[in-house]
Amino acid sequence: MTNKLVRACLAGALLILGGCAFTDEALVPSLSGEPAPSQTQTVQAAPLAPGTTATTPAAPSAPSAVSVEGSPQQFNTGEFEPGGVTPGQPTGTAVGAKVDSLRGDLMQLQANVASQNDRLQTVRAQAAQNAIGYHNTVGQIGAKLQVGTTPGNPILVSQWNQAQAQLQQVNVDLGQMNGLANDVAASAAMSSYLLEATRAAFGISGAVDEDHRQLAILEDETNRTTVLIDRLLTELTEDIARQTNYLGSERNNLNTLALAINNGELYGASLAGRQFAPIAPSSIPGSAIASGRPLVLIRFDRQNVDYEQALFAAVSAALDRRPDAAFDLVAVTPGIGSQAQISLAREESRRDAERVLRSLTSMGLSPNRVSLSSMTSPAAQTNEVHLYVR
C-alpha cells in the first residue's frame, strides 16, 4: 500500500469517525514535542517510570504447564490434595464438643477440595485434548490452502464446520471451569469461616488443656487448607483467563480461515492472533520506546473508551511528517496487586492493544508497519496502550 493510499484511507476513516464524541483520554506530545492543535486532545508528557520493566508474552505460570503445540493455550499443573485432619479424643466439655463439630466440618471441606482438584485435572486434560483435535483439523485445512485449491472447496467447508464444532467443545470446557471456580470460591468462604470459628473457640470458658491442644492442631490444619484453596483458586482463575483469551483468538482465526476457504487461498492467522514480543528498545533503530514519550497514550480505565478520533489525528500527523514511519504498539499493565491479578490485567491489556491494532488497520494502516509488545509498569494505575513512532 502506497503512502498516498494510506493517507487516503485514513482520511476516509476520519469522515466515518467524525460523529464520535472524543472523551478525555490523554495524548502525549508528538515526535516534535509540540502539542497537536486539536481542541479535543489533552496534551501531557508521560514518560515511563525508571523502574519500568519489559515482560515476556506468556502469563506467569508454574515451571511446567499443560500446553497444546501450535496454539497459545496452556494450563497450570498444580495438584491440590488436602493433608487430612488429625483425629482427637472426646474431653466431655462443651469446648470439646465444639472441637468435634469443627473437625467434622473441616473433614467435609477437605473432601470437597479433593473432589474439586480431581475435577480441575480432568477438565484440564479434556480441554487440552479437544484443542489438539481442533488444531489437527485446522492444520489439514491450512495445508490444503497452502498448495492451492478451488474457491469454496466443499471438503474444506466440511472440515471448517468440524473445526467449529471442536472449538465449541473447548468453549464447553471453559464453562466447566467457570462452574468449578464458583464451587472453589464457596470452599474458600467456608474455610475462612472455619478458621474464624476455630480461633473464637479459644475464648469459650470451661475448656481443659486438651481442648486447647486439639484446637491449636485444628487451627493449623484449617489454615493450611485455606492456603491450599487460595492457590487452587488462583491457578484456576489464570487457566480461565488463558482459555478465554485462547477462544477469542481462535474464533477470529476461524473467521479468517472461512474467508480463505471462500477464496481458495491461505491468508494466515487473524490479526488478533499476533504474538506479543518483549520490548527491546536497543534492537529497534529509531524507536521512541526508550525515551518514554509515546505518540498516543490510551487509558482503558472504563468501558467503551472512545479513542479512535484522537488515534487517527495523531497517526495522520505522524505520516504527514514521516511517510515511511513504522509504529510500536505496547500493551502496558500496572505492576500492582497479586500475581493472579497482574496476570489477568496483562491479558486484558493485550486485548486492548489488539483492539487498537484493529482500529489502525481499519483506517488503512498496513499491519506490517505495526509491531506488538507488552510491559509491566509500576507507574501505570490502569491498563494502558502506548503507540510509538519509529
Foldseek 3Di string as FASTA:
>chain_A
DALVVLLVLLVVVLVVCVVPDADAFAFEAAPVRDDDPDPSHHYDFFFFDPPWDWDFQQADEPPDWADAPPALATAHDDAQQAPDADDADQDPWPLSVVLVVLSVLVRVLNVLVNVLRVLVVVLRVVLRVLVNVLVVLVVVLQVQQAVWDAAQPVVNVVSLVVSVVSLVVNVVSLVSLVVSLVSLVVSLVSLVVSLVSLVVSVVDPDDDPSSVVSSVRSNVSSVVSNVSSVVVSLRSLLNSLSSVLRSVQVVQQSVQSNVCNNHGHDDDGGLSRDTAGIDDPVVDPPWCVVVRGFRGKGFPPDPPNDCLSVVSVSVSVVCVVPVVKAKEKEKEFAPDDDSSVSSSQQSVSSVVSSVVLVSSVSSPDDCVRYHHHYIYGNVDPGIMMGMIID
